[in-house]
């Protein structure tokens, strides 16, 4: 893969986020990031597990941690997202 420019901390390229596991802060596995929607104000991660789908806004209040080494995103879903 060619070198890509570095991003600021807490910023990621889409290819880095796709296929990552998404876990709720409660320990529940929500699924994997299968798509990313660009809305203009923030990205939205499309997280799927089987037939279940959760739309996770990529904002600081929701995305608590992105662990690139483990391939895992930890989120705290706001009321109404689940």
PDB file of N, CA and C in Angstrom:
ATOM      1  N   UNK A   1       0.842  -1.170   0.000  1.00  0.00           N
ATOM      2  CA  UNK A   1       0.000   0.000   0.000  1.00  0.00           C
ATOM      3  C   UNK A   1       0.890   1.238   0.000  1.00  0.00           C
ATOM      4  N   UNK A   2       0.502   2.236  -0.774  1.00  0.00           N
ATOM      5  CA  UNK A   2       1.259   3.481  -0.810  1.00  0.00           C
ATOM      6  C   UNK A   2       1.113   4.221   0.505  1.00  0.00           C
ATOM      7  N   UNK A   3       2.091   5.054   0.792  1.00  0.00           N
ATOM      8  CA  UNK A   3       2.037   5.880   1.993  1.00  0.00           C
ATOM      9  C   UNK A   3       0.883   6.870   1.881  1.00  0.00           C
ATOM     10  N   UNK A   4       0.183   7.084   2.983  1.00  0.00           N
ATOM     11  CA  UNK A   4      -0.882   8.082   3.026  1.00  0.00           C
ATOM     12  C   UNK A   4      -0.494   9.147   4.047  1.00  0.00           C
ATOM     13  N   UNK A   5      -0.917  10.372   3.833  1.00  0.00           N
ATOM     14  CA  UNK A   5      -0.563  11.435   4.776  1.00  0.00           C
ATOM     15  C   UNK A   5      -1.110  11.155   6.171  1.00  0.00           C
ATOM     16  N   UNK A   6      -0.378  11.576   7.170  1.00  0.00           N
ATOM     17  CA  UNK A   6      -0.822  11.416   8.556  1.00  0.00           C
ATOM     18  C   UNK A   6      -2.018  12.319   8.819  1.00  0.00           C
ATOM     19  N   UNK A   7      -2.889  11.848   9.674  1.00  0.00           N
ATOM     20  CA  UNK A   7      -4.052  12.632  10.091  1.00  0.00           C
ATOM     21  C   UNK A   7      -3.853  13.124  11.516  1.00  0.00           C
ATOM     22  N   UNK A   8      -4.671  14.053  11.904  1.00  0.00           N
ATOM     23  CA  UNK A   8      -4.619  14.529  13.283  1.00  0.00           C
ATOM     24  C   UNK A   8      -5.089  13.412  14.217  1.00  0.00           C
ATOM     25  N   UNK A   9      -4.713  13.491  15.500  1.00  0.00           N
ATOM     26  CA  UNK A   9      -5.163  12.462  16.452  1.00  0.00           C
ATOM     27  C   UNK A   9      -6.689  12.351  16.433  1.00  0.00           C
ATOM     28  N   UNK A  10      -7.184  11.159  16.634  1.00  0.00           N
ATOM     29  CA  UNK A  10      -8.616  10.864  16.641  1.00  0.00           C
ATOM     30  C   UNK A  10      -9.282  11.056  15.282  1.00  0.00           C
ATOM     31  N   UNK A  11      -8.499  11.046  14.215  1.00  0.00           N
ATOM     32  CA  UNK A  11      -9.028  11.067  12.850  1.00  0.00           C
ATOM     33  C   UNK A  11      -8.510   9.826  12.137  1.00  0.00           C
ATOM     34  N   UNK A  12      -9.367   9.251  11.297  1.00  0.00           N
ATOM     35  CA  UNK A  12      -9.010   7.998  10.641  1.00  0.00           C
ATOM     36  C   UNK A  12      -9.487   8.014   9.201  1.00  0.00           C
ATOM     37  N   UNK A  13      -8.776   7.289   8.360  1.00  0.00           N
ATOM     38  CA  UNK A  13      -9.238   7.066   7.001  1.00  0.00           C
ATOM     39  C   UNK A  13     -10.331   5.996   7.035  1.00  0.00           C
ATOM     40  N   UNK A  14     -11.244   6.056   6.056  1.00  0.00           N
ATOM     41  CA  UNK A  14     -12.326   5.065   6.003  1.00  0.00           C
ATOM     42  C   UNK A  14     -11.779   3.642   5.942  1.00  0.00           C
ATOM     43  N   UNK A  15     -10.727   3.429   5.168  1.00  0.00           N
ATOM     44  CA  UNK A  15     -10.192   2.065   5.038  1.00  0.00           C
ATOM     45  C   UNK A  15      -9.685   1.529   6.371  1.00  0.00           C
ATOM     46  N   UNK A  16      -9.340   2.409   7.309  1.00  0.00           N
ATOM     47  CA  UNK A  16      -8.884   1.964   8.627  1.00  0.00           C
ATOM     48  C   UNK A  16     -10.051   1.528   9.509  1.00  0.00           C
ATOM     49  N   UNK A  17     -11.215   2.103   9.309  1.00  0.00           N
ATOM     50  CA  UNK A  17     -12.384   1.844  10.144  1.00  0.00           C
ATOM     51  C   UNK A  17     -13.212   0.664   9.633  1.00  0.00           C
ATOM     52  N   UNK A  18     -13.287   0.508   8.310  1.00  0.00           N
ATOM     53  CA  UNK A  18     -14.089  -0.581   7.742  1.00  0.00           C
ATOM     54  C   UNK A  18     -13.615  -1.934   8.266  1.00  0.00           C
ATOM     55  N   UNK A  19     -14.556  -2.804   8.586  1.00  0.00           N
ATOM     56  CA  UNK A  19     -14.343  -4.168   9.087  1.00  0.00           C
ATOM     57  C   UNK A  19     -13.903  -4.227  10.555  1.00  0.00           C
ATOM     58  N   UNK A  20     -13.831  -3.083  11.243  1.00  0.00           N
ATOM     59  CA  UNK A  20     -13.495  -3.128  12.670  1.00  0.00           C
ATOM     60  C   UNK A  20     -14.699  -3.622  13.462  1.00  0.00           C
ATOM     61  N   UNK A  21     -14.426  -4.326  14.565  1.00  0.00           N
ATOM     62  CA  UNK A  21     -15.486  -4.754  15.475  1.00  0.00           C
ATOM     63  C   UNK A  21     -15.958  -3.556  16.280  1.00  0.00           C
ATOM     64  N   UNK A  22     -17.249  -3.516  16.572  1.00  0.00           N
ATOM     65  CA  UNK A  22     -17.813  -2.440  17.381  1.00  0.00           C
ATOM     66  C   UNK A  22     -18.447  -3.054  18.626  1.00  0.00           C
ATOM     67  N   UNK A  23     -18.009  -2.549  19.772  1.00  0.00           N
ATOM     68  CA  UNK A  23     -18.480  -3.037  21.067  1.00  0.00           C
ATOM     69  C   UNK A  23     -19.071  -1.880  21.855  1.00  0.00           C
ATOM     70  N   UNK A  24     -20.197  -2.137  22.516  1.00  0.00           N
ATOM     71  CA  UNK A  24     -20.784  -1.137  23.406  1.00  0.00           C
ATOM     72  C   UNK A  24     -19.989  -1.113  24.699  1.00  0.00           C
ATOM     73  N   UNK A  25     -20.020   0.000  25.389  1.00  0.00           N
ATOM     74  CA  UNK A  25     -19.309   0.146  26.652  1.00  0.00           C
ATOM     75  C   UNK A  25     -19.815  -0.877  27.680  1.00  0.00           C
ATOM     76  N   UNK A  26     -21.022  -1.388  27.472  1.00  0.00           N
ATOM     77  CA  UNK A  26     -21.612  -2.400  28.352  1.00  0.00           C
ATOM     78  C   UNK A  26     -21.028  -3.790  28.120  1.00  0.00           C
ATOM     79  N   UNK A  27     -20.211  -3.936  27.048  1.00  0.00           N
ATOM     80  CA  UNK A  27     -19.622  -5.230  26.725  1.00  0.00           C
ATOM     81  C   UNK A  27     -20.361  -5.988  25.649  1.00  0.00           C
ATOM     82  N   UNK A  28     -21.450  -5.423  25.130  1.00  0.00           N
ATOM     83  CA  UNK A  28     -22.223  -6.071  24.067  1.00  0.00           C
ATOM     84  C   UNK A  28     -21.538  -5.893  22.719  1.00  0.00           C
ATOM     85  N   UNK A  29     -21.402  -6.985  21.981  1.00  0.00           N
ATOM     86  CA  UNK A  29     -20.867  -6.922  20.619  1.00  0.00           C
ATOM     87  C   UNK A  29     -21.976  -6.449  19.693  1.00  0.00           C
ATOM     88  N   UNK A  30     -21.751  -5.353  18.969  1.00  0.00           N
ATOM     89  CA  UNK A  30     -22.767  -4.786  18.086  1.00  0.00           C
ATOM     90  C   UNK A  30     -22.610  -5.237  16.644  1.00  0.00           C
ATOM     91  N   UNK A  31     -21.393  -5.624  16.252  1.00  0.00           N
ATOM     92  CA  UNK A  31     -21.157  -6.066  14.885  1.00  0.00           C
ATOM     93  C   UNK A  31     -19.888  -5.455  14.334  1.00  0.00           C
ATOM     94  N   UNK A  32     -19.781  -5.437  13.012  1.00  0.00           N
ATOM     95  CA  UNK A  32     -18.607  -4.866  12.358  1.00  0.00           C
ATOM     96  C   UNK A  32     -19.037  -3.694  11.473  1.00  0.00           C
ATOM     97  N   UNK A  33     -18.112  -2.779  11.263  1.00  0.00           N
ATOM     98  CA  UNK A  33     -18.377  -1.627  10.399  1.00  0.00           C
ATOM     99  C   UNK A  33     -18.345  -2.117   8.954  1.00  0.00           C
ATOM    100  N   UNK A  34     -19.506  -2.075   8.304  1.00  0.00           N
ATOM    101  CA  UNK A  34     -19.597  -2.555   6.926  1.00  0.00           C
ATOM    102  C   UNK A  34     -19.656  -1.423   5.915  1.00  0.00           C
ATOM    103  N   UNK A  35     -19.981  -0.222   6.372  1.00  0.00           N
ATOM    104  CA  UNK A  35     -20.058   0.918   5.468  1.00  0.00           C
ATOM    105  C   UNK A  35     -19.912   2.186   6.294  1.00  0.00           C
ATOM    106  N   UNK A  36     -19.574   3.278   5.639  1.00  0.00           N
ATOM    107  CA  UNK A  36     -19.470   4.574   6.299  1.00  0.00           C
ATOM    108  C   UNK A  36     -20.215   5.579   5.445  1.00  0.00           C
ATOM    109  N   UNK A  37     -21.193   6.257   6.054  1.00  0.00           N
ATOM    110  CA  UNK A  37     -21.966   7.273   5.365  1.00  0.00           C
ATOM    111  C   UNK A  37     -21.388   8.637   5.715  1.00  0.00           C
ATOM    112  N   UNK A  38     -21.118   9.438   4.715  1.00  0.00           N
ATOM    113  CA  UNK A  38     -20.636  10.805   4.948  1.00  0.00           C
ATOM    114  C   UNK A  38     -21.838  11.733   4.889  1.00  0.00           C
ATOM    115  N   UNK A  39     -22.145  12.383   6.010  1.00  0.00           N
ATOM    116  CA  UNK A  39     -23.348  13.212   6.099  1.00  0.00           C
ATOM    117  C   UNK A  39     -23.053  14.700   5.962  1.00  0.00           C
ATOM    118  N   UNK A  40     -21.811  15.072   5.964  1.00  0.00           N
ATOM    119  CA  UNK A  40     -21.456  16.487   5.910  1.00  0.00           C
ATOM    120  C   UNK A  40     -20.996  16.981   7.260  1.00  0.00           C
ATOM    121  N   UNK A  41     -21.807  16.731   8.293  1.00  0.00           N
ATOM    122  CA  UNK A  41     -21.407  17.175   9.635  1.00  0.00           C
ATOM    123  C   UNK A  41     -20.530  16.144  10.327  1.00  0.00           C
ATOM    124  N   UNK A  42     -20.824  14.875  10.138  1.00  0.00           N
ATOM    125  CA  UNK A  42     -20.006  13.790  10.690  1.00  0.00           C
ATOM    126  C   UNK A  42     -20.288  12.515   9.917  1.00  0.00           C
ATOM    127  N   UNK A  43     -19.367  11.578   9.994  1.00  0.00           N
ATOM    128  CA  UNK A  43     -19.586  10.271   9.381  1.00  0.00           C
ATOM    129  C   UNK A  43     -20.530   9.455  10.256  1.00  0.00           C
ATOM    130  N   UNK A  44     -21.172   8.476   9.656  1.00  0.00           N
ATOM    131  CA  UNK A  44     -22.023   7.528  10.373  1.00  0.00           C
ATOM    132  C   UNK A  44     -21.539   6.132   9.999  1.00  0.00           C
ATOM    133  N   UNK A  45     -21.193   5.335  11.005  1.00  0.00           N
ATOM    134  CA  UNK A  45     -20.739   3.969  10.776  1.00  0.00           C
ATOM    135  C   UNK A  45     -21.953   3.044  10.692  1.00  0.00           C
ATOM    136  N   UNK A  46     -22.030   2.273   9.628  1.00  0.00           N
ATOM    137  CA  UNK A  46     -23.075   1.270   9.473  1.00  0.00           C
ATOM    138  C   UNK A  46     -22.521  -0.023  10.045  1.00  0.00           C
ATOM    139  N   UNK A  47     -23.068  -0.425  11.191  1.00  0.00           N
ATOM    140  CA  UNK A  47     -22.570  -1.583  11.933  1.00  0.00           C
ATOM    141  C   UNK A  47     -23.594  -2.707  11.799  1.00  0.00           C
ATOM    142  N   UNK A  48     -23.135  -3.865  11.311  1.00  0.00           N
ATOM    143  CA  UNK A  48     -24.050  -4.992  11.107  1.00  0.00           C
ATOM    144  C   UNK A  48     -23.552  -6.240  11.817  1.00  0.00           C
ATOM    145  N   UNK A  49     -24.535  -6.953  12.349  1.00  0.00           N
ATOM    146  CA  UNK A  49     -24.303  -8.284  12.912  1.00  0.00           C
ATOM    147  C   UNK A  49     -25.491  -9.126  12.482  1.00  0.00           C
ATOM    148  N   UNK A  50     -25.258 -10.023  11.533  1.00  0.00           N
ATOM    149  CA  UNK A  50     -26.365 -10.806  10.989  1.00  0.00           C
ATOM    150  C   UNK A  50     -27.364  -9.882  10.314  1.00  0.00           C
ATOM    151  N   UNK A  51     -28.636  -9.958  10.738  1.00  0.00           N
ATOM    152  CA  UNK A  51     -29.675  -9.094  10.176  1.00  0.00           C
ATOM    153  C   UNK A  51     -29.829  -7.793  10.954  1.00  0.00           C
ATOM    154  N   UNK A  52     -29.123  -7.668  12.056  1.00  0.00           N
ATOM    155  CA  UNK A  52     -29.200  -6.476  12.896  1.00  0.00           C
ATOM    156  C   UNK A  52     -28.280  -5.380  12.354  1.00  0.00           C
ATOM    157  N   UNK A  53     -28.783  -4.149  12.350  1.00  0.00           N
ATOM    158  CA  UNK A  53     -27.997  -3.009  11.888  1.00  0.00           C
ATOM    159  C   UNK A  53     -28.130  -1.857  12.878  1.00  0.00           C
ATOM    160  N   UNK A  54     -26.999  -1.226  13.186  1.00  0.00           N
ATOM    161  CA  UNK A  54     -26.977  -0.054  14.057  1.00  0.00           C
ATOM    162  C   UNK A  54     -26.220   1.042  13.318  1.00  0.00           C
ATOM    163  N   UNK A  55     -26.784   2.241  13.315  1.00  0.00           N
ATOM    164  CA  UNK A  55     -26.110   3.391  12.726  1.00  0.00           C
ATOM    165  C   UNK A  55     -25.455   4.167  13.858  1.00  0.00           C
ATOM    166  N   UNK A  56     -24.130   4.271  13.802  1.00  0.00           N
ATOM    167  CA  UNK A  56     -23.356   4.886  14.883  1.00  0.00           C
ATOM    168  C   UNK A  56     -22.742   6.189  14.381  1.00  0.00           C
ATOM    169  N   UNK A  57     -23.199   7.331  14.915  1.00  0.00           N
ATOM    170  CA  UNK A  57     -22.579   8.587  14.510  1.00  0.00           C
ATOM    171  C   UNK A  57     -21.146   8.662  15.025  1.00  0.00           C
ATOM    172  N   UNK A  58     -20.234   9.040  14.160  1.00  0.00           N
ATOM    173  CA  UNK A  58     -18.810   9.117  14.529  1.00  0.00           C
ATOM    174  C   UNK A  58     -18.548  10.468  15.197  1.00  0.00           C
ATOM    175  N   UNK A  59     -19.073  10.596  16.412  1.00  0.00           N
ATOM    176  CA  UNK A  59     -18.870  11.808  17.199  1.00  0.00           C
ATOM    177  C   UNK A  59     -18.260  11.424  18.537  1.00  0.00           C
ATOM    178  N   UNK A  60     -17.608  12.390  19.168  1.00  0.00           N
ATOM    179  CA  UNK A  60     -16.869  12.131  20.399  1.00  0.00           C
ATOM    180  C   UNK A  60     -17.747  11.599  21.531  1.00  0.00           C
ATOM    181  N   UNK A  61     -19.001  12.026  21.608  1.00  0.00           N
ATOM    182  CA  UNK A  61     -19.894  11.560  22.669  1.00  0.00           C
ATOM    183  C   UNK A  61     -20.282  10.096  22.507  1.00  0.00           C
ATOM    184  N   UNK A  62     -20.138   9.557  21.304  1.00  0.00           N
ATOM    185  CA  UNK A  62     -20.549   8.177  21.022  1.00  0.00           C
ATOM    186  C   UNK A  62     -19.339   7.255  20.879  1.00  0.00           C
ATOM    187  N   UNK A  63     -18.379   7.626  20.052  1.00  0.00           N
ATOM    188  CA  UNK A  63     -17.183   6.802  19.827  1.00  0.00           C
ATOM    189  C   UNK A  63     -16.171   7.132  20.922  1.00  0.00           C
ATOM    190  N   UNK A  64     -16.026   6.208  21.870  1.00  0.00           N
ATOM    191  CA  UNK A  64     -15.168   6.452  23.025  1.00  0.00           C
ATOM    192  C   UNK A  64     -13.720   6.071  22.778  1.00  0.00           C
ATOM    193  N   UNK A  65     -13.519   5.002  21.982  1.00  0.00           N
ATOM    194  CA  UNK A  65     -12.153   4.541  21.732  1.00  0.00           C
ATOM    195  C   UNK A  65     -12.077   3.818  20.397  1.00  0.00           C
ATOM    196  N   UNK A  66     -11.005   4.076  19.669  1.00  0.00           N
ATOM    197  CA  UNK A  66     -10.688   3.337  18.451  1.00  0.00           C
ATOM    198  C   UNK A  66      -9.328   2.708  18.687  1.00  0.00           C
ATOM    199  N   UNK A  67      -9.320   1.388  18.820  1.00  0.00           N
ATOM    200  CA  UNK A  67      -8.083   0.654  19.080  1.00  0.00           C
ATOM    201  C   UNK A  67      -7.655  -0.024  17.780  1.00  0.00           C
ATOM    202  N   UNK A  68      -6.742   0.632  17.072  1.00  0.00           N
ATOM    203  CA  UNK A  68      -6.306   0.127  15.777  1.00  0.00           C
ATOM    204  C   UNK A  68      -5.599  -1.222  15.900  1.00  0.00           C
ATOM    205  N   UNK A  69      -4.846  -1.431  16.974  1.00  0.00           N
ATOM    206  CA  UNK A  69      -4.121  -2.696  17.145  1.00  0.00           C
ATOM    207  C   UNK A  69      -5.066  -3.875  17.325  1.00  0.00           C
ATOM    208  N   UNK A  70      -6.148  -3.678  18.068  1.00  0.00           N
ATOM    209  CA  UNK A  70      -7.113  -4.750  18.311  1.00  0.00           C
ATOM    210  C   UNK A  70      -8.208  -4.792  17.256  1.00  0.00           C
ATOM    211  N   UNK A  71      -8.292  -3.756  16.405  1.00  0.00           N
ATOM    212  CA  UNK A  71      -9.354  -3.706  15.402  1.00  0.00           C
ATOM    213  C   UNK A  71     -10.716  -3.565  16.042  1.00  0.00           C
ATOM    214  N   UNK A  72     -10.777  -2.714  17.075  1.00  0.00           N
ATOM    215  CA  UNK A  72     -11.988  -2.635  17.894  1.00  0.00           C
ATOM    216  C   UNK A  72     -12.352  -1.182  18.189  1.00  0.00           C
ATOM    217  N   UNK A  73     -13.636  -0.879  18.073  1.00  0.00           N
ATOM    218  CA  UNK A  73     -14.179   0.430  18.413  1.00  0.00           C
ATOM    219  C   UNK A  73     -15.115   0.249  19.599  1.00  0.00           C
ATOM    220  N   UNK A  74     -14.968   1.089  20.613  1.00  0.00           N
ATOM    221  CA  UNK A  74     -15.855   1.058  21.770  1.00  0.00           C
ATOM    222  C   UNK A  74     -16.762   2.281  21.713  1.00  0.00           C
ATOM    223  N   UNK A  75     -18.065   2.042  21.849  1.00  0.00           N
ATOM    224  CA  UNK A  75     -19.041   3.122  21.728  1.00  0.00           C
ATOM    225  C   UNK A  75     -19.987   3.146  22.913  1.00  0.00           C
ATOM    226  N   UNK A  76     -20.551   4.309  23.146  1.00  0.00           N
ATOM    227  CA  UNK A  76     -21.647   4.459  24.110  1.00  0.00           C
ATOM    228  C   UNK A  76     -22.828   4.991  23.319  1.00  0.00           C
ATOM    229  N   UNK A  77     -23.794   4.109  23.094  1.00  0.00           N
ATOM    230  CA  UNK A  77     -24.938   4.476  22.272  1.00  0.00           C
ATOM    231  C   UNK A  77     -25.851   5.423  23.031  1.00  0.00           C
ATOM    232  N   UNK A  78     -26.202   6.501  22.383  1.00  0.00           N
ATOM    233  CA  UNK A  78     -27.142   7.457  22.957  1.00  0.00           C
ATOM    234  C   UNK A  78     -28.550   6.889  22.886  1.00  0.00           C
ATOM    235  N   UNK A  79     -29.426   7.383  23.704  1.00  0.00           N
ATOM    236  CA  UNK A  79     -30.809   6.940  23.722  1.00  0.00           C
ATOM    237  C   UNK A  79     -31.410   7.020  22.310  1.00  0.00           C
ATOM    238  N   UNK A  80     -32.024   5.944  21.869  1.00  0.00           N
ATOM    239  CA  UNK A  80     -32.668   5.915  20.564  1.00  0.00           C
ATOM    240  C   UNK A  80     -31.802   5.359  19.429  1.00  0.00           C
ATOM    241  N   UNK A  81     -30.528   5.128  19.662  1.00  0.00           N
ATOM    242  CA  UNK A  81     -29.666   4.599  18.597  1.00  0.00           C
ATOM    243  C   UNK A  81     -29.755   3.098  18.472  1.00  0.00           C
ATOM    244  N   UNK A  82     -30.254   2.436  19.467  1.00  0.00           N
ATOM    245  CA  UNK A  82     -30.268   0.975  19.452  1.00  0.00           C
ATOM    246  C   UNK A  82     -31.620   0.431  19.163  1.00  0.00           C
TER     247      UNK A  82
END
